[in-house]
Amino acid sequence: MNSADQAYDTLQYENLPFWMAHPDWMRTLGLLSGIASRPVNECRVLEIGCARGGHLIPLASLLPGAEFVGIDLAPSQIDAAREFASQLGLTNVRFEAMDVRDVPTEWGAFDYIICHGVYSWVPEDARRAILEVCARHLDEHGIAYVSYNTYPGWHARGMLRSMFALEVPPDEPRARIDSARSFMQLLGERVPETLPLKTWLDSELTLLSRLSDRYLYFEHLVDDNVPCYFTDFVKAANDVGLDYVTDAEILSVVPEQLGEEGGRIVRERARSADQQVAHVESQQLLDLLTLRHFRRSLLVRRGSPVSYDFDPDRFTSMIVANLAVNDDGDVELDLDDDIEVSIGDDGNFQVTSGDPVAVLAPWHVARAGRHGLPVAELIDLVANQVGSDCADRVLAWVRDGFIEGRLLVGTWKRPFAEELPDRPVGFAVARAQAAQPSSVVTNLRHEEVTLDDLERSLLVAMDGTRDRLGLTAAARRDIEAGLVVVEVNDEPTTDETVLDDLIQQRIDRLVDRALIVSPDH
């Protein structure tokens, strides 16, 4: 094991989920692009660089009919992943300490292959091996997710990396990290404010100050961090028999992010008559115009029937969600008048229209709650009120909302409770995480959530045996035992009324943060 591998084994990877690498999100983008990949509740998933299983273990817990395999070069991280999976009693996930160059052919086909935070940070032969594993092991309709650093944005970040190479001497990882942070402080304090690049430098230093030592080390201090232009990545994928589809960060691939005129220019400059080539050309131009520094690209086997237009008809099989309407509960809409409705996560997006479809569609989606509703059902609801066929208009509204980032679509309903059940059960993975000395847990939307000590205490107590009063009593016992300290205005409090109010607020917040399992699941 070389020094970089030893450092990787020692500096533990952040044990986090990546919602954009969720199989359902990959399947959703695949279906919208004409790829009929397998439903997530019966799929096979391979993760290259799985670390301690922070991404795969929550998926395996929620999708017992699926099979998950994770590989990682660091034996210590694989051991930790195995121990946590065993603690949860999971039998549908396994972890192997293995180099990607050694993945056996006998493992067969996978519906989804995930490689997050590895490709740019390994030698050239390992980068090729990652793509070869995807090409060799993807199912006929499978999808691979590969993330990597890109130019032109990384030209700027590369300047800081090269400065570290000059100023941080060879040493053990911990000493190099300390030396790099000391140099960062010097840069922040002594680079003249009048220099044109000072604003950029300050933003990079602020970002690095918030990120972990592991990120600093592997992004800026190791030998291997090789960004590339998007077209170079696509060529490398093509060379082993893979085609590019889209990116998991969907807003980043839409030319209209530059405005209507900017989108038109990007599309016009993609001159090739071949749709696939034109798509790649437009994506590369977008990278140049947005100074992009990171991509999360989806790949399929060569020859798959990929479409790049997100045909509105394909949304018919989806579930649409993620809008909130500020209303008075049961207010009825008067379709004879212009109607103004505030929608959106922050309530600041307004629709004022005399077109009933333009109002009814967001209205019904919002009133369906955070789970949303099937698009086919939405079409029926709107049509019943409008009294005419309006499917095309509803589908166009869903498509526009999706590519503009106002709507979330998917094919699998996340099993979180929208209201507190009588005897709530916390997500098993999150409960196990909360029982450890960590404030970060994974919720049922496959997101990273940070909890305070009171929320951790309550979540651990949510084992299905306690109602709200029982949870309150359990939290009070932890407070009285000194296991949880509750502060108000930075001062510890023992006021019973204040504590009870805070406990109720935290219980409701755990519901809002999708940490409670739906009784229907």
Protein backbone atom coordinates (compact mmCIF):
# COMPACT_ATOMS: atom_id res chain seq x y z
CA MET A 1 0.00 0.00 0.00
CA ASN A 2 1.54 3.34 -1.06
CA SER A 3 1.47 6.55 1.02
CA ALA A 4 -1.68 7.88 -0.66
CA ASP A 5 -3.48 4.59 -0.04
CA GLN A 6 -2.32 4.57 3.59
CA ALA A 7 -3.61 8.11 4.03
CA TYR A 8 -6.94 7.11 2.50
CA ASP A 9 -7.18 4.21 4.93
CA THR A 10 -6.38 6.52 7.87
CA LEU A 11 -8.35 9.65 6.94
CA GLN A 12 -11.90 8.29 7.08
CA TYR A 13 -14.22 9.41 4.30
CA GLU A 14 -17.28 11.43 5.33
CA ASN A 15 -19.95 8.75 5.75
CA LEU A 16 -22.67 10.48 3.77
CA PRO A 17 -25.48 9.72 1.30
CA PHE A 18 -25.56 11.40 -2.12
CA TRP A 19 -29.15 11.97 -3.14
CA MET A 20 -28.21 12.65 -6.77
CA ALA A 21 -26.73 9.14 -6.89
CA HIS A 22 -29.93 7.55 -5.56
CA PRO A 23 -31.00 4.74 -7.95
CA ASP A 24 -34.49 6.25 -8.22
CA TRP A 25 -33.07 9.61 -9.35
CA MET A 26 -30.85 7.80 -11.86
CA ARG A 27 -33.84 5.78 -13.07
CA THR A 28 -35.97 8.92 -13.33
CA LEU A 29 -33.42 10.71 -15.50
CA GLY A 30 -32.97 7.54 -17.51
CA LEU A 31 -36.69 7.17 -18.22
CA LEU A 32 -36.92 10.82 -19.20
CA SER A 33 -34.05 10.16 -21.61
CA GLY A 34 -35.63 7.03 -23.09
CA ILE A 35 -33.72 4.45 -20.97
CA ALA A 36 -36.02 1.90 -19.31
CA SER A 37 -33.81 0.87 -16.37
CA ARG A 38 -35.00 -1.55 -13.69
CA PRO A 39 -37.30 -0.35 -10.82
CA VAL A 40 -35.32 0.40 -7.69
CA ASN A 41 -37.08 -2.12 -5.43
CA GLU A 42 -35.67 -5.01 -7.49
CA CYS A 43 -32.39 -3.68 -8.85
CA ARG A 44 -28.68 -4.57 -8.45
CA VAL A 45 -26.35 -1.72 -7.50
CA LEU A 46 -22.53 -1.54 -7.46
CA GLU A 47 -20.72 1.33 -5.79
CA ILE A 48 -17.04 1.92 -6.59
CA GLY A 49 -15.41 3.71 -3.67
CA CYS A 50 -18.12 3.01 -1.10
CA ALA A 51 -16.03 4.01 1.97
CA ARG A 52 -17.95 3.11 5.17
CA GLY A 53 -21.22 2.48 3.34
CA GLY A 54 -22.85 5.83 4.05
CA HIS A 55 -24.54 5.78 0.64
CA LEU A 56 -25.39 2.09 0.22
CA ILE A 57 -26.51 1.11 3.73
CA PRO A 58 -29.53 3.49 3.89
CA LEU A 59 -30.58 2.30 0.42
CA ALA A 60 -30.28 -1.35 1.42
CA SER A 61 -32.36 -0.68 4.54
CA LEU A 62 -35.21 0.86 2.54
CA LEU A 63 -35.06 -1.45 -0.50
CA PRO A 64 -34.94 -5.02 0.87
CA GLY A 65 -35.76 -6.49 -2.55
CA ALA A 66 -32.68 -4.91 -4.14
CA GLU A 67 -29.06 -6.11 -3.96
CA PHE A 68 -26.11 -3.82 -3.19
CA VAL A 69 -22.37 -4.36 -3.53
CA GLY A 70 -19.75 -1.85 -2.42
CA ILE A 71 -16.01 -1.94 -3.06
CA ASP A 72 -13.29 0.22 -1.59
CA LEU A 73 -9.50 0.15 -1.47
CA ALA A 74 -9.33 0.80 2.30
CA PRO A 75 -9.80 -2.35 4.45
CA SER A 76 -10.56 -0.31 7.57
CA GLN A 77 -13.45 1.44 5.85
CA ILE A 78 -14.82 -1.83 4.49
CA ASP A 79 -14.64 -3.32 8.01
CA ALA A 80 -16.64 -0.35 9.36
CA ALA A 81 -19.24 -0.74 6.59
CA ARG A 82 -19.64 -4.45 7.30
CA GLU A 83 -20.01 -3.85 11.02
CA PHE A 84 -22.71 -1.20 10.57
CA ALA A 85 -24.65 -3.33 8.05
CA SER A 86 -24.48 -6.27 10.45
CA GLN A 87 -25.67 -4.09 13.34
CA LEU A 88 -28.75 -3.24 11.27
CA GLY A 89 -29.32 -6.87 10.28
CA LEU A 90 -29.00 -6.17 6.56
CA THR A 91 -28.51 -9.19 4.32
CA ASN A 92 -28.91 -7.53 0.92
CA VAL A 93 -25.65 -5.54 0.96
CA ARG A 94 -22.06 -6.72 0.99
CA PHE A 95 -18.73 -4.90 1.03
CA GLU A 96 -15.39 -5.97 -0.42
CA ALA A 97 -11.91 -4.48 0.08
CA MET A 98 -10.85 -4.38 -3.55
CA ASP A 99 -9.12 -2.34 -6.22
CA VAL A 100 -11.46 -1.38 -9.07
CA ARG A 101 -8.95 -2.98 -11.45
CA ASP A 102 -9.73 -6.35 -9.84
CA VAL A 103 -13.54 -6.46 -10.09
CA PRO A 104 -14.31 -10.02 -11.26
CA THR A 105 -16.31 -10.65 -14.40
CA GLU A 106 -18.31 -13.27 -12.48
CA TRP A 107 -20.15 -10.55 -10.57
CA GLY A 108 -22.39 -10.17 -13.59
CA ALA A 109 -24.63 -7.25 -14.58
CA PHE A 110 -25.74 -4.33 -12.43
CA ASP A 111 -28.65 -2.00 -13.09
CA TYR A 112 -26.90 0.97 -11.50
CA ILE A 113 -23.18 1.60 -10.98
CA ILE A 114 -22.13 4.54 -8.80
CA CYS A 115 -18.66 6.09 -8.59
CA HIS A 116 -18.72 9.33 -6.63
CA GLY A 117 -15.55 11.22 -5.71
CA VAL A 118 -13.08 8.71 -7.17
CA TYR A 119 -12.49 9.22 -10.90
CA SER A 120 -10.37 12.40 -10.77
CA TRP A 121 -8.41 11.23 -7.73
CA VAL A 122 -6.84 7.99 -9.01
CA PRO A 123 -4.11 7.19 -11.56
CA GLU A 124 -4.85 7.02 -15.29
CA ASP A 125 -5.10 3.22 -15.43
CA ALA A 126 -7.60 3.24 -12.53
CA ARG A 127 -9.68 5.91 -14.29
CA ARG A 128 -9.85 3.71 -17.37
CA ALA A 129 -10.68 0.70 -15.16
CA ILE A 130 -13.65 2.56 -13.65
CA LEU A 131 -15.11 3.13 -17.10
CA GLU A 132 -14.30 -0.42 -18.20
CA VAL A 133 -16.13 -1.84 -15.16
CA CYS A 134 -19.14 0.28 -16.08
CA ALA A 135 -19.04 -0.89 -19.70
CA ARG A 136 -18.53 -4.55 -18.75
CA HIS A 137 -20.98 -4.78 -15.87
CA LEU A 138 -23.87 -2.50 -16.82
CA ASP A 139 -27.11 -4.26 -17.62
CA GLU A 140 -28.52 -3.72 -21.11
CA HIS A 141 -30.63 -0.87 -19.73
CA GLY A 142 -28.32 0.02 -16.86
CA ILE A 143 -27.04 3.47 -15.90
CA ALA A 144 -23.69 4.49 -14.44
CA TYR A 145 -23.02 7.62 -12.37
CA VAL A 146 -19.46 9.00 -12.41
CA SER A 147 -18.43 12.30 -10.81
CA TYR A 148 -15.21 14.18 -11.63
CA ASN A 149 -13.51 17.57 -11.57
CA THR A 150 -13.76 19.62 -14.75
CA TYR A 151 -12.15 22.48 -16.56
CA PRO A 152 -12.38 25.40 -17.00
CA GLY A 153 -13.41 25.94 -13.37
CA TRP A 154 -10.61 23.78 -12.02
CA HIS A 155 -7.98 25.92 -13.74
CA ALA A 156 -8.66 28.45 -10.96
CA ARG A 157 -8.72 25.87 -8.17
CA GLY A 158 -5.62 24.31 -9.62
CA MET A 159 -3.74 27.53 -8.93
CA LEU A 160 -4.34 27.11 -5.20
CA ARG A 161 -3.40 23.42 -5.41
CA SER A 162 -0.10 24.31 -7.10
CA MET A 163 0.62 26.87 -4.38
CA PHE A 164 0.20 24.14 -1.75
CA ALA A 165 2.62 21.97 -3.74
CA LEU A 166 5.28 24.66 -3.34
CA GLU A 167 4.64 25.57 0.30
CA VAL A 168 3.58 22.33 2.01
CA PRO A 169 6.61 20.07 2.55
CA PRO A 170 6.50 16.25 2.31
CA ASP A 171 5.44 14.70 5.61
CA GLU A 172 2.78 12.56 7.24
CA PRO A 173 -0.82 13.49 6.28
CA ARG A 174 -1.64 15.19 9.58
CA ALA A 175 1.45 17.37 9.44
CA ARG A 176 0.76 18.30 5.82
CA ILE A 177 -2.83 19.25 6.61
CA ASP A 178 -1.68 21.48 9.49
CA SER A 179 0.94 23.08 7.26
CA ALA A 180 -1.65 23.71 4.52
CA ARG A 181 -4.08 25.34 6.95
CA SER A 182 -1.28 27.54 8.29
CA PHE A 183 -0.46 28.62 4.73
CA MET A 184 -4.17 29.30 4.10
CA GLN A 185 -4.18 31.67 7.07
CA LEU A 186 -1.12 33.44 5.68
CA LEU A 187 -2.81 33.83 2.29
CA GLY A 188 -5.96 35.22 3.86
CA GLU A 189 -4.11 37.75 5.97
CA ARG A 190 -1.29 38.89 3.69
CA VAL A 191 -2.46 38.84 0.07
CA PRO A 192 -3.23 42.52 -0.74
CA GLU A 193 -6.91 43.39 -0.93
CA THR A 194 -6.27 45.41 -4.10
CA LEU A 195 -5.30 42.40 -6.22
CA PRO A 196 -7.96 41.37 -8.79
CA LEU A 197 -7.92 37.71 -7.65
CA LYS A 198 -8.29 38.47 -3.94
CA THR A 199 -12.09 38.11 -3.97
CA TRP A 200 -11.82 34.69 -5.61
CA LEU A 201 -9.06 33.63 -3.20
CA ASP A 202 -11.10 34.66 -0.17
CA SER A 203 -14.09 32.62 -1.37
CA GLU A 204 -11.89 29.51 -1.86
CA LEU A 205 -10.24 29.91 1.54
CA THR A 206 -13.64 30.33 3.19
CA LEU A 207 -14.89 27.16 1.48
CA LEU A 208 -11.83 25.15 2.56
CA SER A 209 -12.14 26.41 6.13
CA ARG A 210 -15.62 24.86 6.31
CA LEU A 211 -14.69 21.55 4.70
CA SER A 212 -13.02 18.59 6.35
CA ASP A 213 -9.30 17.87 6.63
CA ARG A 214 -9.87 14.85 4.45
CA TYR A 215 -11.30 16.99 1.65
CA LEU A 216 -8.36 19.40 1.89
CA TYR A 217 -5.86 16.56 1.80
CA PHE A 218 -7.25 14.59 -1.12
CA GLU A 219 -8.35 17.58 -3.17
CA HIS A 220 -5.18 19.63 -2.85
CA LEU A 221 -2.29 17.69 -1.28
CA VAL A 222 -2.12 14.28 -2.97
CA ASP A 223 -0.46 13.53 -6.30
CA ASP A 224 -3.60 12.41 -8.14
CA ASN A 225 -6.25 15.02 -8.86
CA VAL A 226 -6.69 15.19 -12.60
CA PRO A 227 -9.54 17.41 -13.86
CA CYS A 228 -10.53 17.21 -17.50
CA TYR A 229 -12.69 18.97 -20.03
CA PHE A 230 -16.11 17.39 -20.44
CA THR A 231 -15.41 16.34 -24.04
CA ASP A 232 -12.28 14.49 -22.89
CA PHE A 233 -14.34 12.54 -20.34
CA VAL A 234 -16.94 11.69 -23.00
CA LYS A 235 -14.19 10.49 -25.35
CA ALA A 236 -12.74 8.27 -22.61
CA ALA A 237 -16.22 6.82 -22.02
CA ASN A 238 -16.80 6.32 -25.75
CA ASP A 239 -13.45 4.51 -26.07
CA VAL A 240 -14.67 1.70 -23.77
CA GLY A 241 -18.19 1.48 -25.22
CA LEU A 242 -20.20 3.98 -23.16
CA ASP A 243 -22.39 6.91 -24.20
CA TYR A 244 -23.15 10.07 -22.22
CA VAL A 245 -26.81 10.70 -21.32
CA THR A 246 -27.12 13.69 -19.00
CA ASP A 247 -25.93 14.86 -15.59
CA ALA A 248 -27.51 14.08 -12.24
CA GLU A 249 -27.48 17.79 -11.39
CA ILE A 250 -30.19 18.50 -13.91
CA LEU A 251 -30.27 22.30 -13.71
CA SER A 252 -26.63 22.41 -14.81
CA VAL A 253 -27.32 20.79 -18.20
CA VAL A 254 -30.18 23.05 -19.29
CA PRO A 255 -28.98 25.77 -21.72
CA GLU A 256 -31.82 28.05 -20.55
CA GLN A 257 -29.98 28.51 -17.25
CA LEU A 258 -28.29 31.33 -19.19
CA GLY A 259 -31.62 32.92 -20.03
CA GLU A 260 -33.78 32.49 -23.10
CA GLU A 261 -31.31 34.24 -25.40
CA GLY A 262 -28.33 32.43 -23.88
CA GLY A 263 -30.07 29.08 -24.31
CA ARG A 264 -30.79 29.86 -27.96
CA ILE A 265 -27.17 30.75 -28.62
CA VAL A 266 -25.87 27.57 -26.95
CA ARG A 267 -28.24 25.40 -28.99
CA GLU A 268 -27.36 27.18 -32.24
CA ARG A 269 -23.63 26.74 -31.70
CA ALA A 270 -24.05 22.95 -31.37
CA ARG A 271 -23.64 22.54 -35.12
CA SER A 272 -23.47 18.78 -35.60
CA ALA A 273 -26.35 17.08 -37.41
CA ASP A 274 -25.84 14.10 -35.07
CA GLN A 275 -28.08 14.64 -32.05
CA GLN A 276 -25.68 12.97 -29.63
CA VAL A 277 -22.66 14.94 -30.86
CA ALA A 278 -24.66 18.18 -30.75
CA HIS A 279 -25.69 17.40 -27.17
CA VAL A 280 -22.06 16.95 -26.12
CA GLU A 281 -21.05 20.14 -27.95
CA SER A 282 -23.72 22.17 -26.17
CA GLN A 283 -22.72 20.72 -22.79
CA GLN A 284 -19.08 21.61 -23.33
CA LEU A 285 -20.03 25.16 -24.27
CA LEU A 286 -22.17 25.41 -21.14
CA ASP A 287 -19.16 24.36 -19.05
CA LEU A 288 -17.11 27.14 -20.61
CA LEU A 289 -19.80 29.76 -20.09
CA THR A 290 -20.47 28.75 -16.46
CA LEU A 291 -16.80 28.09 -15.52
CA ARG A 292 -17.88 24.68 -14.33
CA HIS A 293 -15.60 22.72 -11.99
CA PHE A 294 -17.51 19.48 -11.21
CA ARG A 295 -19.81 17.07 -13.02
CA ARG A 296 -21.97 14.08 -12.08
CA SER A 297 -22.41 12.37 -15.44
CA LEU A 298 -24.73 9.48 -16.32
CA LEU A 299 -23.53 6.89 -18.81
CA VAL A 300 -25.14 3.96 -20.64
CA ARG A 301 -23.91 1.19 -22.90
CA ARG A 302 -23.09 2.17 -26.46
CA GLY A 303 -26.08 2.15 -28.75
CA SER A 304 -28.77 2.72 -26.13
CA PRO A 305 -31.70 4.72 -27.56
CA VAL A 306 -30.96 7.99 -25.76
CA SER A 307 -33.18 11.05 -26.20
CA TYR A 308 -32.11 14.53 -25.06
CA ASP A 309 -35.32 16.55 -25.10
CA PHE A 310 -37.17 15.35 -21.95
CA ASP A 311 -40.36 14.68 -23.92
CA PRO A 312 -43.30 15.86 -21.74
CA ASP A 313 -45.18 12.59 -22.38
CA ARG A 314 -42.51 10.69 -20.41
CA PHE A 315 -43.53 12.50 -17.24
CA THR A 316 -46.89 10.69 -17.25
CA SER A 317 -45.44 7.73 -15.32
CA MET A 318 -43.73 9.94 -12.72
CA ILE A 319 -44.59 11.18 -9.24
CA VAL A 320 -44.37 14.96 -8.91
CA ALA A 321 -43.73 16.79 -5.64
CA ASN A 322 -41.85 19.57 -3.88
CA LEU A 323 -44.21 22.53 -3.97
CA ALA A 324 -45.82 24.26 -1.00
CA VAL A 325 -48.92 26.44 -1.28
CA ASN A 326 -49.57 29.16 1.26
CA ASP A 327 -53.31 28.78 1.75
CA ASP A 328 -55.83 28.70 4.58
CA GLY A 329 -56.32 24.95 4.52
CA ASP A 330 -59.57 24.27 2.69
CA VAL A 331 -59.93 27.39 0.57
CA GLU A 332 -61.80 26.67 -2.65
CA LEU A 333 -60.53 28.13 -5.91
CA ASP A 334 -62.90 30.30 -7.93
CA LEU A 335 -61.99 29.43 -11.50
CA ASP A 336 -64.02 32.31 -12.88
CA ASP A 337 -61.58 34.90 -11.56
CA ASP A 338 -57.89 35.57 -11.86
CA ILE A 339 -56.22 33.68 -9.01
CA GLU A 340 -52.97 34.49 -7.28
CA VAL A 341 -51.29 31.60 -5.47
CA SER A 342 -47.91 31.71 -3.72
CA ILE A 343 -46.03 28.45 -4.30
CA GLY A 344 -42.53 27.13 -3.77
CA ASP A 345 -40.41 25.89 -0.89
CA ASP A 346 -39.89 29.42 0.37
CA GLY A 347 -43.33 30.71 -0.65
CA ASN A 348 -41.95 33.46 -2.87
CA PHE A 349 -42.92 32.13 -6.32
CA GLN A 350 -46.27 33.49 -7.47
CA VAL A 351 -48.71 32.45 -10.16
CA THR A 352 -51.30 34.98 -11.29
CA SER A 353 -53.38 33.65 -14.10
CA GLY A 354 -56.83 33.38 -15.52
CA ASP A 355 -55.84 29.99 -16.95
CA PRO A 356 -57.29 27.37 -14.58
CA VAL A 357 -54.71 24.76 -15.59
CA ALA A 358 -51.84 27.10 -14.62
CA VAL A 359 -53.33 27.42 -11.14
CA LEU A 360 -54.90 24.01 -10.53
CA ALA A 361 -51.75 22.01 -11.34
CA PRO A 362 -49.52 23.64 -8.67
CA TRP A 363 -52.48 23.79 -6.30
CA HIS A 364 -53.09 20.02 -6.38
CA VAL A 365 -49.38 19.16 -6.20
CA ALA A 366 -48.91 21.34 -3.17
CA ARG A 367 -52.00 20.05 -1.37
CA ALA A 368 -50.81 16.48 -1.92
CA GLY A 369 -48.03 17.17 0.58
CA ARG A 370 -44.34 16.43 0.46
CA HIS A 371 -44.93 13.00 -1.12
CA GLY A 372 -46.64 14.62 -4.09
CA LEU A 373 -48.88 12.60 -6.38
CA PRO A 374 -48.68 10.62 -9.63
CA VAL A 375 -48.68 12.85 -12.69
CA ALA A 376 -51.43 10.71 -14.25
CA GLU A 377 -53.60 11.42 -11.20
CA LEU A 378 -52.77 15.12 -11.42
CA ILE A 379 -53.96 15.17 -15.03
CA ASP A 380 -57.28 13.57 -14.02
CA LEU A 381 -57.80 15.98 -11.11
CA VAL A 382 -57.23 19.03 -13.29
CA ALA A 383 -59.30 17.66 -16.19
CA ASN A 384 -62.25 16.92 -13.89
CA GLN A 385 -62.33 20.55 -12.76
CA VAL A 386 -61.58 22.14 -16.11
CA GLY A 387 -63.99 19.88 -17.92
CA SER A 388 -61.77 19.27 -20.93
CA ASP A 389 -58.69 17.36 -22.07
CA CYS A 390 -55.71 19.25 -20.66
CA ALA A 391 -53.06 16.52 -20.46
CA ASP A 392 -50.64 18.26 -22.82
CA ARG A 393 -50.78 21.49 -20.81
CA VAL A 394 -50.32 19.73 -17.45
CA LEU A 395 -47.39 17.72 -18.80
CA ALA A 396 -45.80 20.85 -20.23
CA TRP A 397 -46.16 22.51 -16.81
CA VAL A 398 -44.52 19.53 -15.09
CA ARG A 399 -41.65 19.45 -17.58
CA ASP A 400 -41.00 23.19 -17.27
CA GLY A 401 -41.12 23.03 -13.49
CA PHE A 402 -38.72 20.09 -13.50
CA ILE A 403 -36.04 21.66 -15.69
CA GLU A 404 -36.37 24.97 -13.85
CA GLY A 405 -35.87 23.30 -10.48
CA ARG A 406 -39.32 24.06 -9.07
CA LEU A 407 -40.55 20.46 -9.11
CA LEU A 408 -39.08 17.16 -8.01
CA VAL A 409 -40.07 14.08 -9.99
CA GLY A 410 -39.38 10.42 -9.33
CA THR A 411 -40.74 6.90 -9.63
CA TRP A 412 -40.48 5.63 -6.03
CA LYS A 413 -42.41 7.07 -3.09
CA ARG A 414 -40.13 7.78 -0.14
CA PRO A 415 -41.62 6.09 2.97
CA PHE A 416 -41.53 9.00 5.40
CA ALA A 417 -44.45 10.07 7.60
CA GLU A 418 -45.96 13.49 6.95
CA GLU A 419 -47.60 13.56 10.38
CA LEU A 420 -46.49 12.07 13.70
CA PRO A 421 -47.89 8.52 14.05
CA ASP A 422 -49.35 7.47 17.40
CA ARG A 423 -46.21 5.49 18.20
CA PRO A 424 -43.54 6.73 15.80
CA VAL A 425 -40.70 4.63 14.46
CA GLY A 426 -37.55 6.47 13.46
CA PHE A 427 -35.62 5.43 10.36
CA ALA A 428 -33.46 2.51 11.55
CA VAL A 429 -30.26 3.81 9.95
CA ALA A 430 -30.74 7.29 11.41
CA ARG A 431 -31.54 5.88 14.87
CA ALA A 432 -28.34 3.84 14.83
CA GLN A 433 -26.36 6.89 13.69
CA ALA A 434 -27.97 9.08 16.36
CA ALA A 435 -26.98 6.56 19.06
CA GLN A 436 -23.34 7.13 18.13
CA PRO A 437 -21.39 10.31 19.03
CA SER A 438 -22.33 11.97 15.76
CA SER A 439 -24.75 14.78 14.96
CA VAL A 440 -25.15 13.79 11.29
CA VAL A 441 -27.74 11.21 10.21
CA THR A 442 -29.38 10.10 6.96
CA ASN A 443 -33.08 10.72 6.47
CA LEU A 444 -35.69 8.87 4.40
CA ARG A 445 -35.17 11.24 1.47
CA HIS A 446 -31.52 10.09 1.37
CA GLU A 447 -30.28 13.44 2.60
CA GLU A 448 -27.71 14.39 5.22
CA VAL A 449 -29.37 15.92 8.32
CA THR A 450 -27.65 17.52 11.32
CA LEU A 451 -29.34 16.99 14.71
CA ASP A 452 -28.81 18.58 18.10
CA ASP A 453 -28.46 16.39 21.21
CA LEU A 454 -32.14 16.66 22.13
CA GLU A 455 -33.21 15.56 18.63
CA ARG A 456 -30.78 12.64 18.78
CA SER A 457 -32.23 11.55 22.14
CA LEU A 458 -35.78 11.68 20.79
CA LEU A 459 -34.91 9.85 17.58
CA VAL A 460 -33.22 7.01 19.47
CA ALA A 461 -36.36 6.71 21.64
CA MET A 462 -38.60 6.36 18.58
CA ASP A 463 -38.71 2.57 18.55
CA GLY A 464 -42.49 2.22 18.09
CA THR A 465 -43.28 1.69 21.78
CA ARG A 466 -43.79 5.33 22.82
CA ASP A 467 -46.41 7.94 22.03
CA ARG A 468 -45.73 11.67 22.27
CA LEU A 469 -45.99 11.62 26.09
CA GLY A 470 -43.66 8.63 26.28
CA LEU A 471 -41.11 10.37 24.04
CA THR A 472 -41.30 13.46 26.25
CA ALA A 473 -40.66 11.34 29.34
CA ALA A 474 -37.70 9.59 27.69
CA ALA A 475 -36.13 12.90 26.70
CA ARG A 476 -36.67 14.30 30.20
CA ARG A 477 -34.86 11.28 31.67
CA ASP A 478 -31.85 11.90 29.41
CA ILE A 479 -31.85 15.57 30.42
CA GLU A 480 -32.07 14.74 34.13
CA ALA A 481 -29.26 12.19 33.78
CA GLY A 482 -27.04 14.83 32.19
CA LEU A 483 -26.87 12.96 28.88
CA VAL A 484 -28.54 15.89 27.11
CA VAL A 485 -27.97 19.55 27.92
CA VAL A 486 -30.61 21.96 26.61
CA GLU A 487 -29.59 25.58 26.21
CA VAL A 488 -31.64 28.72 25.71
CA ASN A 489 -29.72 31.83 24.70
CA ASP A 490 -26.48 29.86 25.18
CA GLU A 491 -27.35 29.07 28.79
CA PRO A 492 -28.43 25.64 30.16
CA THR A 493 -32.07 25.55 31.26
CA THR A 494 -33.99 23.25 33.62
CA ASP A 495 -37.28 25.13 33.41
CA GLU A 496 -39.89 22.37 32.96
CA THR A 497 -42.28 24.44 30.86
CA VAL A 498 -39.49 25.57 28.53
CA LEU A 499 -38.13 22.03 28.25
CA ASP A 500 -41.53 20.54 27.42
CA ASP A 501 -42.10 23.19 24.72
CA LEU A 502 -38.68 22.51 23.21
CA ILE A 503 -39.24 18.75 23.26
CA GLN A 504 -42.54 19.11 21.37
CA GLN A 505 -40.89 21.38 18.81
CA ARG A 506 -38.07 18.89 18.28
CA ILE A 507 -40.50 15.97 17.85
CA ASP A 508 -42.34 17.88 15.13
CA ARG A 509 -39.05 18.85 13.51
CA LEU A 510 -38.04 15.21 13.22
CA VAL A 511 -41.26 14.64 11.26
CA ASP A 512 -40.56 17.65 9.04
CA ARG A 513 -37.05 16.38 8.35
CA ALA A 514 -38.30 13.02 7.02
CA LEU A 515 -36.84 10.91 9.84
CA ILE A 516 -40.06 9.09 10.84
CA VAL A 517 -41.19 6.01 8.92
CA SER A 518 -44.69 6.08 7.47
CA PRO A 519 -47.03 3.58 9.18
CA ASP A 520 -47.95 2.35 5.67
CA HIS A 521 -44.40 1.26 4.89
